[in-house]
Structures are given as structure tokens and as C-alpha cells.
């Protein structure tokens, strides 16, 4: 089974379809990221988020892509923690709708 680790918002139907078109059938592991921005240990919070999920899947062999947290520095540290050549899925805003709508920007 192929997995997409999602540390951001749940995927919409359109986003799931686009990702499946690009990587094939997958199972989404949605692990929402909520960080305490008043704490001095953001990187440790990222580690506690990433490693149990990553190790529970047996490492990077079954992970086809990662959707990082929206918070830029947390996304950066997530990449550092995983650093296994796994592509990231990035989402881009689609127009100026309210509420905002995001579509798959790419898998790189």
C-alpha cells in the first residue's frame, strides 16, 4: 500500500483525485499539526508529530509523498526529519474565494 502523510488540512475530493492521478492509488494518513507557538521547543513538537507516524509505516519505503504543515518553519523541520527523498505535495490557493480553496500545486 502507498501512503501520503498529510500534516496539513484534510484533502478535498478534488485534491485526492489529482494526487491519485499523479501517484496512483494511495491511503491518506492525516495527522493534523497543532503547534504551541509560545513554547521554545517547536522542533521537538515536529519530531513528536513526525516520528511515530513515519516509524509506524515502516519508514519511507511505503510513503509516496508528504503534505507538510502549513507553518513554514515546521514544514522545513518536517523535511529535515524525513529527508528520505520522498516527494512533497504542495497546495496553492485557487483564486480569491472565501473561504479559501486550495488545489494541488504539484508533487515534487
N, C-alpha and C. Protein backbone atom coordinates (compact mmCIF):
# COMPACT_ATOMS: atom_id res chain seq x y z
N UNK A 1 0.84 -1.18 0.00
CA UNK A 1 0.00 0.00 0.00
C UNK A 1 0.88 1.24 0.00
N UNK A 2 0.49 2.24 -0.78
CA UNK A 2 1.19 3.51 -0.83
C UNK A 2 0.49 4.49 0.10
N UNK A 3 1.29 5.29 0.82
CA UNK A 3 0.73 6.24 1.77
C UNK A 3 1.15 7.66 1.43
N UNK A 4 0.24 8.60 1.68
CA UNK A 4 0.53 10.02 1.65
C UNK A 4 0.39 10.51 3.09
N UNK A 5 1.48 11.04 3.66
CA UNK A 5 1.43 11.61 5.00
C UNK A 5 0.95 13.04 4.89
N UNK A 6 -0.13 13.35 5.55
CA UNK A 6 -0.72 14.69 5.47
C UNK A 6 -0.69 15.32 6.85
N UNK A 7 0.18 16.32 7.01
CA UNK A 7 0.29 17.05 8.27
C UNK A 7 -0.44 18.39 8.20
N UNK A 8 -1.23 18.61 7.17
CA UNK A 8 -1.96 19.86 6.99
C UNK A 8 -3.46 19.60 7.11
N UNK A 9 -4.25 20.28 6.30
CA UNK A 9 -5.70 20.13 6.33
C UNK A 9 -6.12 18.86 5.58
N UNK A 10 -7.26 18.27 5.94
CA UNK A 10 -7.73 17.09 5.21
C UNK A 10 -7.86 17.40 3.71
N UNK A 11 -7.57 16.41 2.90
CA UNK A 11 -7.68 16.58 1.45
C UNK A 11 -9.14 16.65 1.03
N UNK A 12 -9.40 17.51 0.05
CA UNK A 12 -10.73 17.56 -0.55
C UNK A 12 -10.83 16.45 -1.59
N UNK A 13 -12.01 16.21 -2.08
CA UNK A 13 -12.22 15.20 -3.12
C UNK A 13 -11.39 15.52 -4.35
N UNK A 14 -11.40 16.79 -4.77
CA UNK A 14 -10.63 17.20 -5.96
C UNK A 14 -9.13 16.99 -5.75
N UNK A 15 -8.63 17.34 -4.56
CA UNK A 15 -7.21 17.17 -4.27
C UNK A 15 -6.84 15.68 -4.29
N UNK A 16 -7.68 14.84 -3.68
CA UNK A 16 -7.42 13.40 -3.67
C UNK A 16 -7.35 12.86 -5.10
N UNK A 17 -8.29 13.28 -5.93
CA UNK A 17 -8.33 12.79 -7.31
C UNK A 17 -7.08 13.21 -8.09
N UNK A 18 -6.63 14.44 -7.88
CA UNK A 18 -5.44 14.92 -8.58
C UNK A 18 -4.19 14.18 -8.11
N UNK A 19 -4.07 13.97 -6.82
CA UNK A 19 -2.91 13.24 -6.30
C UNK A 19 -2.94 11.80 -6.81
N UNK A 20 -4.10 11.17 -6.79
CA UNK A 20 -4.21 9.79 -7.28
C UNK A 20 -3.85 9.71 -8.76
N UNK A 21 -4.23 10.73 -9.53
CA UNK A 21 -3.88 10.76 -10.95
C UNK A 21 -2.36 10.76 -11.12
N UNK A 22 -1.65 11.42 -10.19
CA UNK A 22 -0.21 11.55 -10.33
C UNK A 22 0.59 10.41 -9.69
N UNK A 23 0.11 9.85 -8.57
CA UNK A 23 0.90 8.82 -7.87
C UNK A 23 0.23 7.45 -7.84
N UNK A 24 -1.01 7.36 -8.30
CA UNK A 24 -1.74 6.11 -8.23
C UNK A 24 -2.53 6.03 -6.93
N UNK A 25 -3.15 4.89 -6.71
CA UNK A 25 -3.96 4.70 -5.51
C UNK A 25 -3.10 4.87 -4.26
N UNK A 26 -3.67 5.51 -3.25
CA UNK A 26 -2.93 5.75 -2.02
C UNK A 26 -3.90 5.80 -0.85
N UNK A 27 -3.35 5.69 0.34
CA UNK A 27 -4.10 5.84 1.58
C UNK A 27 -3.55 7.07 2.28
N UNK A 28 -4.44 8.00 2.63
CA UNK A 28 -4.02 9.22 3.31
C UNK A 28 -3.91 8.98 4.82
N UNK A 29 -2.75 9.28 5.36
CA UNK A 29 -2.56 9.28 6.81
C UNK A 29 -2.61 10.74 7.23
N UNK A 30 -3.74 11.15 7.79
CA UNK A 30 -3.92 12.56 8.17
C UNK A 30 -3.57 12.71 9.65
N UNK A 31 -2.51 13.45 9.89
CA UNK A 31 -2.04 13.72 11.24
C UNK A 31 -1.95 15.24 11.37
N UNK A 32 -3.06 15.89 11.78
CA UNK A 32 -3.06 17.35 11.82
C UNK A 32 -1.99 17.90 12.77
N UNK A 33 -1.39 18.99 12.38
CA UNK A 33 -0.34 19.61 13.18
C UNK A 33 -0.91 20.81 13.93
N UNK A 34 -0.82 20.76 15.22
CA UNK A 34 -1.17 21.90 16.08
C UNK A 34 0.04 22.17 16.95
N UNK A 35 0.64 23.33 16.77
CA UNK A 35 1.86 23.65 17.49
C UNK A 35 1.62 24.73 18.53
N UNK A 36 2.30 24.62 19.64
CA UNK A 36 2.29 25.65 20.67
C UNK A 36 3.36 26.66 20.30
N UNK A 37 2.93 27.78 19.74
CA UNK A 37 3.87 28.78 19.25
C UNK A 37 4.50 29.58 20.38
N UNK A 38 4.00 29.40 21.60
CA UNK A 38 4.60 30.08 22.75
C UNK A 38 5.70 29.25 23.38
N UNK A 39 5.83 28.01 22.98
CA UNK A 39 6.86 27.13 23.54
C UNK A 39 8.16 27.34 22.78
N UNK A 40 9.25 26.99 23.42
CA UNK A 40 10.56 27.17 22.79
C UNK A 40 11.03 25.90 22.10
N UNK A 41 10.18 24.89 22.03
CA UNK A 41 10.61 23.60 21.51
C UNK A 41 9.85 23.19 20.25
N UNK A 42 9.70 24.09 19.31
CA UNK A 42 8.93 23.78 18.10
C UNK A 42 9.50 22.58 17.37
N UNK A 43 10.81 22.50 17.26
CA UNK A 43 11.39 21.36 16.55
C UNK A 43 11.06 20.05 17.26
N UNK A 44 11.09 20.03 18.58
CA UNK A 44 10.71 18.82 19.32
C UNK A 44 9.25 18.47 19.08
N UNK A 45 8.40 19.48 18.97
CA UNK A 45 6.99 19.23 18.66
C UNK A 45 6.86 18.57 17.29
N UNK A 46 7.66 19.05 16.32
CA UNK A 46 7.65 18.46 14.98
C UNK A 46 8.12 17.01 15.06
N UNK A 47 9.16 16.74 15.82
CA UNK A 47 9.66 15.37 15.95
C UNK A 47 8.60 14.46 16.55
N UNK A 48 7.88 14.94 17.56
CA UNK A 48 6.81 14.13 18.17
C UNK A 48 5.65 13.90 17.20
N UNK A 49 5.47 14.79 16.26
CA UNK A 49 4.43 14.63 15.24
C UNK A 49 4.87 13.63 14.17
N UNK A 50 6.09 13.79 13.68
CA UNK A 50 6.56 13.04 12.51
C UNK A 50 6.92 11.59 12.84
N UNK A 51 7.76 11.37 13.83
CA UNK A 51 8.37 10.06 14.01
C UNK A 51 7.41 8.92 14.33
N UNK A 52 6.42 9.09 15.20
CA UNK A 52 5.51 7.95 15.43
C UNK A 52 4.77 7.53 14.16
N UNK A 53 4.35 8.50 13.37
CA UNK A 53 3.64 8.19 12.13
C UNK A 53 4.59 7.54 11.13
N UNK A 54 5.73 8.13 10.94
CA UNK A 54 6.74 7.64 9.99
C UNK A 54 7.18 6.22 10.34
N UNK A 55 7.54 6.01 11.59
CA UNK A 55 8.00 4.69 12.02
C UNK A 55 6.88 3.65 12.00
N UNK A 56 5.65 4.08 12.26
CA UNK A 56 4.51 3.17 12.23
C UNK A 56 4.25 2.60 10.84
N UNK A 57 4.72 3.30 9.83
CA UNK A 57 4.56 2.83 8.44
C UNK A 57 5.79 2.07 7.96
N UNK A 58 6.76 1.89 8.83
CA UNK A 58 7.96 1.14 8.46
C UNK A 58 8.98 1.95 7.71
N UNK A 59 8.96 3.27 7.85
CA UNK A 59 9.94 4.11 7.17
C UNK A 59 9.45 4.60 5.83
N UNK A 60 10.36 5.07 5.01
CA UNK A 60 9.99 5.77 3.78
C UNK A 60 9.61 4.88 2.61
N UNK A 61 9.81 3.59 2.68
CA UNK A 61 9.56 2.72 1.52
C UNK A 61 8.11 2.76 1.04
N UNK A 62 7.16 2.93 1.96
CA UNK A 62 5.75 2.91 1.59
C UNK A 62 5.13 4.30 1.45
N UNK A 63 5.93 5.33 1.69
CA UNK A 63 5.41 6.70 1.65
C UNK A 63 5.70 7.29 0.27
N UNK A 64 4.65 7.67 -0.45
CA UNK A 64 4.84 8.21 -1.80
C UNK A 64 4.95 9.73 -1.80
N UNK A 65 4.43 10.40 -0.76
CA UNK A 65 4.51 11.85 -0.70
C UNK A 65 4.13 12.32 0.70
N UNK A 66 4.53 13.56 1.00
CA UNK A 66 4.23 14.18 2.28
C UNK A 66 3.62 15.55 2.03
N UNK A 67 2.55 15.86 2.74
CA UNK A 67 1.99 17.21 2.73
C UNK A 67 2.43 17.83 4.05
N UNK A 68 3.38 18.78 4.01
CA UNK A 68 3.91 19.32 5.25
C UNK A 68 2.92 20.26 5.94
N UNK A 69 3.17 20.56 7.22
CA UNK A 69 2.34 21.55 7.90
C UNK A 69 2.41 22.89 7.18
N UNK A 70 1.40 23.70 7.34
CA UNK A 70 1.36 25.00 6.67
C UNK A 70 2.36 25.99 7.25
N UNK A 71 2.67 25.88 8.51
CA UNK A 71 3.63 26.77 9.15
C UNK A 71 5.01 26.55 8.54
N UNK A 72 5.58 27.56 7.95
CA UNK A 72 6.80 27.41 7.16
C UNK A 72 7.94 26.75 7.92
N UNK A 73 8.25 27.18 9.11
CA UNK A 73 9.39 26.61 9.82
C UNK A 73 9.10 25.16 10.22
N UNK A 74 7.86 24.85 10.56
CA UNK A 74 7.50 23.47 10.87
C UNK A 74 7.61 22.60 9.62
N UNK A 75 7.23 23.15 8.48
CA UNK A 75 7.37 22.41 7.22
C UNK A 75 8.84 22.13 6.93
N UNK A 76 9.68 23.10 7.16
CA UNK A 76 11.11 22.94 6.95
C UNK A 76 11.67 21.83 7.84
N UNK A 77 11.31 21.86 9.12
CA UNK A 77 11.83 20.84 10.04
C UNK A 77 11.25 19.46 9.73
N UNK A 78 10.01 19.41 9.25
CA UNK A 78 9.44 18.13 8.84
C UNK A 78 10.29 17.54 7.72
N UNK A 79 10.67 18.38 6.77
CA UNK A 79 11.52 17.91 5.67
C UNK A 79 12.86 17.41 6.19
N UNK A 80 13.44 18.12 7.13
CA UNK A 80 14.71 17.69 7.71
C UNK A 80 14.58 16.35 8.41
N UNK A 81 13.47 16.16 9.13
CA UNK A 81 13.28 14.93 9.88
C UNK A 81 13.11 13.74 8.95
N UNK A 82 12.37 13.91 7.88
CA UNK A 82 12.07 12.79 6.98
C UNK A 82 13.19 12.58 5.97
N UNK A 83 13.71 13.62 5.39
CA UNK A 83 14.81 13.62 4.43
C UNK A 83 15.16 12.23 3.88
N UNK A 84 14.26 11.68 3.12
CA UNK A 84 14.49 10.35 2.54
C UNK A 84 14.18 10.34 1.05
N UNK A 85 14.18 11.51 0.44
CA UNK A 85 13.89 11.58 -0.98
C UNK A 85 12.41 11.40 -1.31
N UNK A 86 11.55 11.57 -0.32
CA UNK A 86 10.10 11.43 -0.53
C UNK A 86 9.59 12.75 -1.09
N UNK A 87 8.83 12.73 -2.18
CA UNK A 87 8.32 13.98 -2.73
C UNK A 87 7.33 14.64 -1.77
N UNK A 88 7.23 15.95 -1.91
CA UNK A 88 6.25 16.72 -1.14
C UNK A 88 5.12 17.15 -2.07
N UNK A 89 3.91 17.17 -1.54
CA UNK A 89 2.76 17.70 -2.26
C UNK A 89 2.57 19.12 -1.75
N UNK A 90 2.50 20.07 -2.66
CA UNK A 90 2.23 21.43 -2.22
C UNK A 90 0.90 21.88 -2.77
N UNK A 91 0.20 22.64 -1.95
CA UNK A 91 -1.12 23.13 -2.29
C UNK A 91 -1.03 24.63 -2.55
N UNK A 92 -1.77 25.09 -3.55
CA UNK A 92 -1.80 26.51 -3.85
C UNK A 92 -3.23 27.02 -3.78
N UNK A 93 -3.36 28.29 -3.47
CA UNK A 93 -4.68 28.90 -3.37
C UNK A 93 -5.27 29.01 -4.77
N UNK A 94 -6.56 28.72 -4.89
CA UNK A 94 -7.27 28.78 -6.16
C UNK A 94 -8.16 30.01 -6.16
N UNK A 95 -7.66 31.11 -6.69
CA UNK A 95 -8.43 32.34 -6.74
C UNK A 95 -8.53 33.03 -5.39
N UNK A 96 -9.51 33.91 -5.28
CA UNK A 96 -9.69 34.70 -4.06
C UNK A 96 -10.98 34.34 -3.35
N UNK A 97 -11.36 33.08 -3.36
CA UNK A 97 -12.62 32.67 -2.77
C UNK A 97 -12.59 32.78 -1.25
N UNK A 98 -13.77 32.97 -0.69
CA UNK A 98 -13.94 32.97 0.77
C UNK A 98 -15.01 31.94 1.07
N UNK A 99 -14.71 30.91 1.83
CA UNK A 99 -13.40 30.63 2.40
C UNK A 99 -12.41 30.25 1.31
N UNK A 100 -11.12 30.32 1.63
CA UNK A 100 -10.12 29.98 0.61
C UNK A 100 -10.25 28.54 0.15
N UNK A 101 -9.95 28.31 -1.12
CA UNK A 101 -9.96 26.97 -1.70
C UNK A 101 -8.54 26.69 -2.19
N UNK A 102 -8.05 25.50 -1.88
CA UNK A 102 -6.70 25.13 -2.28
C UNK A 102 -6.76 23.92 -3.21
N UNK A 103 -5.91 23.96 -4.23
CA UNK A 103 -5.81 22.85 -5.18
C UNK A 103 -4.38 22.35 -5.17
N UNK A 104 -4.17 21.16 -5.71
CA UNK A 104 -2.83 20.60 -5.77
C UNK A 104 -1.98 21.46 -6.70
N UNK A 105 -0.89 22.01 -6.17
CA UNK A 105 0.02 22.81 -6.96
C UNK A 105 1.07 21.97 -7.66
N UNK A 106 1.41 20.84 -7.05
CA UNK A 106 2.39 19.94 -7.66
C UNK A 106 2.87 18.90 -6.67
N UNK A 107 3.55 17.92 -7.21
CA UNK A 107 4.19 16.87 -6.40
C UNK A 107 5.64 16.86 -6.84
N UNK A 108 6.52 17.28 -5.95
CA UNK A 108 7.93 17.41 -6.32
C UNK A 108 8.81 16.80 -5.25
